[in-house]
Amino acid sequence: MGRRRCWPAGATLFSEGDQSTTVVLVLSGRAKVFSLTEQGGEVLLAIRGPGALLGEMSALDGAPRSASVSALEPLEAYVVGVSAFLDFLATHPEAAVRIIRMIVSRLRDADRKRVEFGTYDALGRVALRLAELADRFGAEAGHGVRITLPLTQDELAAWTGSSRESVTKALRTLRRQGIIETSRRSVSVVDLDRLRDRAR
């Protein structure tokens, strides 16, 4: 139904406000879903990896895209036209139910993050996101878990609703406590249990 396509790191898959013409199924690589503020800032909404479906909401309701998506690293995906996607769902109800469950899961996650923004300080939110990244994108490395996602401090700030300065301070605190180790665009979690405790 679709065609295979590749994007280099940093490439835009689609932009907020565009009319939906395609749905993208990620095969390899990871992408960020984000929205731009009126001041030109970026709010990071989610990270999507292999198996993720992108652009399905606009395809379903016909509204313009509610967010932008760009590749965090080289990305390969199937691109399916909206008409073909909708025809497939109409004739495969079990697939439609799976997509409904996926959307519900994302809504629950969005609700959880809204609660976090109102109840956690910047350090707590950074710890929460690092624990999530370690669980989803972590690889065993020596005496810890290395987060393999190439996320900048600006992107981490956008994802946690914090300033870059607050994120820098939070990372410094976690590093000083021996919970994480950092290098350029890389974080290793030395003590995941303590990181999760700090996120509570």
Protein backbone atom coordinates (compact mmCIF):
# COMPACT_ATOMS: atom_id res chain seq x y z
CA MET A 1 0.00 0.00 0.00
CA GLY A 2 2.87 2.37 0.70
CA ARG A 3 6.26 3.29 -0.62
CA ARG A 4 9.52 3.05 1.29
CA ARG A 5 11.30 6.34 1.94
CA CYS A 6 14.38 7.49 3.87
CA TRP A 7 15.12 10.80 5.60
CA PRO A 8 18.48 12.03 6.95
CA ALA A 9 18.84 13.22 10.54
CA GLY A 10 17.25 16.65 10.96
CA ALA A 11 14.90 16.30 7.99
CA THR A 12 11.25 17.32 8.35
CA LEU A 13 8.68 14.61 7.67
CA PHE A 14 5.76 17.04 7.91
CA SER A 15 4.93 20.40 9.45
CA GLU A 16 2.27 21.63 11.83
CA GLY A 17 -0.66 23.20 9.98
CA ASP A 18 -0.11 21.24 6.75
CA GLN A 19 -3.04 19.40 5.23
CA SER A 20 -2.70 15.66 5.72
CA THR A 21 -1.97 13.62 2.60
CA THR A 22 0.04 10.71 4.04
CA VAL A 23 0.50 8.48 7.06
CA VAL A 24 4.01 7.31 7.97
CA LEU A 25 4.92 3.94 9.52
CA VAL A 26 8.44 4.06 10.99
CA LEU A 27 10.66 1.08 10.14
CA SER A 28 13.96 2.22 11.63
CA GLY A 29 15.34 5.33 13.29
CA ARG A 30 13.60 7.75 15.63
CA ALA A 31 11.69 10.97 15.18
CA LYS A 32 10.55 13.80 17.41
CA VAL A 33 7.03 15.20 17.45
CA PHE A 34 6.96 18.88 18.37
CA SER A 35 5.04 22.13 18.20
CA LEU A 36 6.38 25.67 17.80
CA THR A 37 5.30 28.49 20.11
CA GLU A 38 4.41 31.98 18.91
CA GLN A 39 7.79 33.14 20.26
CA GLY A 40 9.60 30.61 18.07
CA GLY A 41 10.35 28.16 20.86
CA GLU A 42 9.89 24.44 20.55
CA VAL A 43 7.69 22.20 22.70
CA LEU A 44 8.73 18.57 22.37
CA LEU A 45 5.63 16.36 22.57
CA ALA A 46 6.94 12.85 21.99
CA ILE A 47 9.68 10.62 20.64
CA ARG A 48 8.62 7.91 18.20
CA GLY A 49 10.64 4.89 17.08
CA PRO A 50 10.30 1.75 14.95
CA GLY A 51 6.71 0.56 14.67
CA ALA A 52 5.24 3.99 15.35
CA LEU A 53 2.48 5.40 13.20
CA LEU A 54 2.74 9.13 12.47
CA GLY A 55 0.09 11.45 11.08
CA GLU A 56 -2.85 9.14 11.78
CA MET A 57 -4.91 11.72 13.68
CA SER A 58 -5.02 14.18 10.77
CA ALA A 59 -5.80 11.33 8.43
CA LEU A 60 -8.73 10.29 10.61
CA ASP A 61 -10.34 13.68 11.25
CA GLY A 62 -9.28 15.57 8.11
CA ALA A 63 -7.95 18.52 10.14
CA PRO A 64 -4.53 20.10 9.49
CA ARG A 65 -1.56 18.44 11.19
CA SER A 66 -1.47 19.33 14.88
CA ALA A 67 2.32 19.00 15.22
CA SER A 68 5.54 18.82 13.25
CA VAL A 69 7.73 15.73 12.95
CA SER A 70 11.44 15.60 12.16
CA ALA A 71 14.04 12.83 12.13
CA LEU A 72 16.36 12.69 15.16
CA GLU A 73 18.57 10.25 13.27
CA PRO A 74 18.48 8.63 9.82
CA LEU A 75 14.96 7.31 9.45
CA GLU A 76 13.34 4.78 7.14
CA ALA A 77 9.58 4.40 6.84
CA TYR A 78 6.63 3.38 4.71
CA VAL A 79 4.56 6.31 3.44
CA VAL A 80 0.89 5.54 2.80
CA GLY A 81 -1.64 7.86 1.19
CA VAL A 82 -4.56 8.92 3.39
CA SER A 83 -7.20 7.42 1.08
CA ALA A 84 -5.45 4.04 1.02
CA PHE A 85 -5.03 4.19 4.81
CA LEU A 86 -8.72 4.92 5.41
CA ASP A 87 -9.80 2.23 2.91
CA PHE A 88 -7.61 -0.27 4.75
CA LEU A 89 -9.17 0.58 8.12
CA ALA A 90 -12.66 0.29 6.65
CA THR A 91 -11.97 -3.27 5.52
CA HIS A 92 -9.80 -4.33 8.50
CA PRO A 93 -11.73 -3.47 11.70
CA GLU A 94 -9.18 -5.25 13.91
CA ALA A 95 -6.54 -2.79 12.69
CA ALA A 96 -8.89 0.12 13.41
CA VAL A 97 -9.34 -1.12 16.98
CA ARG A 98 -5.56 -1.39 17.42
CA ILE A 99 -5.16 2.22 16.26
CA ILE A 100 -7.90 3.39 18.63
CA ARG A 101 -6.02 1.70 21.49
CA MET A 102 -2.79 3.36 20.42
CA ILE A 103 -4.43 6.80 20.36
CA VAL A 104 -5.99 6.20 23.79
CA SER A 105 -2.58 5.21 25.16
CA ARG A 106 -1.09 8.44 23.81
CA LEU A 107 -3.89 10.49 25.36
CA ARG A 108 -3.28 8.82 28.72
CA ASP A 109 0.42 9.62 28.40
CA ALA A 110 -0.37 13.26 27.57
CA ASP A 111 -2.63 13.50 30.64
CA ARG A 112 0.12 12.04 32.82
CA LYS A 113 2.62 14.59 31.55
CA ARG A 114 0.21 17.46 32.26
CA VAL A 115 -0.04 16.25 35.86
CA GLU A 116 3.77 16.08 36.06
CA PHE A 117 4.11 19.68 34.89
CA GLY A 118 1.84 20.81 37.72
CA THR A 119 3.32 18.70 40.52
CA TYR A 120 7.05 18.15 39.85
CA ASP A 121 9.92 20.60 39.91
CA ALA A 122 12.39 20.78 37.01
CA LEU A 123 14.72 18.22 38.58
CA GLY A 124 11.86 15.77 39.06
CA ARG A 125 10.66 16.20 35.46
CA VAL A 126 14.17 15.72 34.08
CA ALA A 127 14.58 12.57 36.20
CA LEU A 128 11.23 11.27 34.94
CA ARG A 129 12.16 11.78 31.29
CA LEU A 130 15.62 10.26 31.73
CA ALA A 131 14.10 7.20 33.41
CA GLU A 132 11.61 6.91 30.53
CA LEU A 133 14.39 7.27 27.94
CA ALA A 134 16.50 4.65 29.73
CA ASP A 135 13.58 2.22 29.69
CA ARG A 136 12.66 2.85 26.05
CA PHE A 137 15.99 3.64 24.42
CA GLY A 138 18.58 2.31 26.87
CA ALA A 139 21.42 -0.07 26.11
CA GLU A 140 23.49 -1.89 28.72
CA ALA A 141 26.92 -0.26 28.83
CA GLY A 142 29.52 -1.13 31.45
CA HIS A 143 28.09 -0.34 34.86
CA GLY A 144 24.99 1.46 33.66
CA VAL A 145 22.42 2.07 30.94
CA ARG A 146 23.40 4.37 28.07
CA ILE A 147 20.55 6.33 26.50
CA THR A 148 21.08 5.85 22.77
CA LEU A 149 18.82 8.70 21.68
CA PRO A 150 20.80 11.74 20.41
CA LEU A 151 18.78 14.33 22.38
CA THR A 152 20.17 17.82 23.02
CA GLN A 153 19.72 19.71 26.28
CA ASP A 154 17.46 22.15 24.42
CA GLU A 155 15.25 19.24 23.28
CA LEU A 156 15.21 17.78 26.80
CA ALA A 157 14.20 21.21 28.11
CA ALA A 158 11.40 21.41 25.53
CA TRP A 159 10.20 17.94 26.54
CA THR A 160 10.16 18.69 30.27
CA GLY A 161 8.68 22.19 30.03
CA SER A 162 11.81 23.65 31.60
CA SER A 163 14.42 26.21 30.64
CA ARG A 164 17.76 25.02 29.30
CA GLU A 165 19.39 26.46 32.42
CA SER A 166 17.10 24.39 34.66
CA VAL A 167 17.93 21.23 32.70
CA THR A 168 21.65 21.96 32.91
CA LYS A 169 21.34 22.43 36.67
CA ALA A 170 19.28 19.24 37.05
CA LEU A 171 21.80 17.19 35.06
CA ARG A 172 24.62 18.65 37.15
CA THR A 173 22.81 17.66 40.36
CA LEU A 174 22.12 14.11 39.15
CA ARG A 175 25.71 13.79 37.97
CA ARG A 176 27.09 15.06 41.31
CA GLN A 177 24.92 12.51 43.15
CA GLY A 178 26.41 9.71 41.05
CA ILE A 179 23.08 8.86 39.42
CA ILE A 180 24.08 9.68 35.83
CA GLU A 181 27.16 10.35 33.73
CA THR A 182 27.09 12.74 30.78
CA SER A 183 29.14 13.43 27.68
CA ARG A 184 28.39 15.34 24.49
CA ARG A 185 24.77 14.52 23.51
CA SER A 186 24.94 11.34 25.60
CA VAL A 187 23.66 10.34 29.03
CA SER A 188 24.38 7.11 30.89
CA VAL A 189 22.25 6.17 33.88
CA VAL A 190 24.50 4.68 36.54
CA ASP A 191 21.78 4.01 39.12
CA LEU A 192 18.33 3.59 37.54
CA ASP A 193 16.61 2.81 40.85
CA ARG A 194 17.85 6.05 42.42
CA LEU A 195 16.86 7.96 39.29
CA ARG A 196 13.33 6.56 39.54
CA ASP A 197 13.25 7.43 43.24
CA ARG A 198 14.27 11.01 42.42
CA ALA A 199 11.48 11.16 39.85
CA ARG A 200 8.80 10.39 42.46
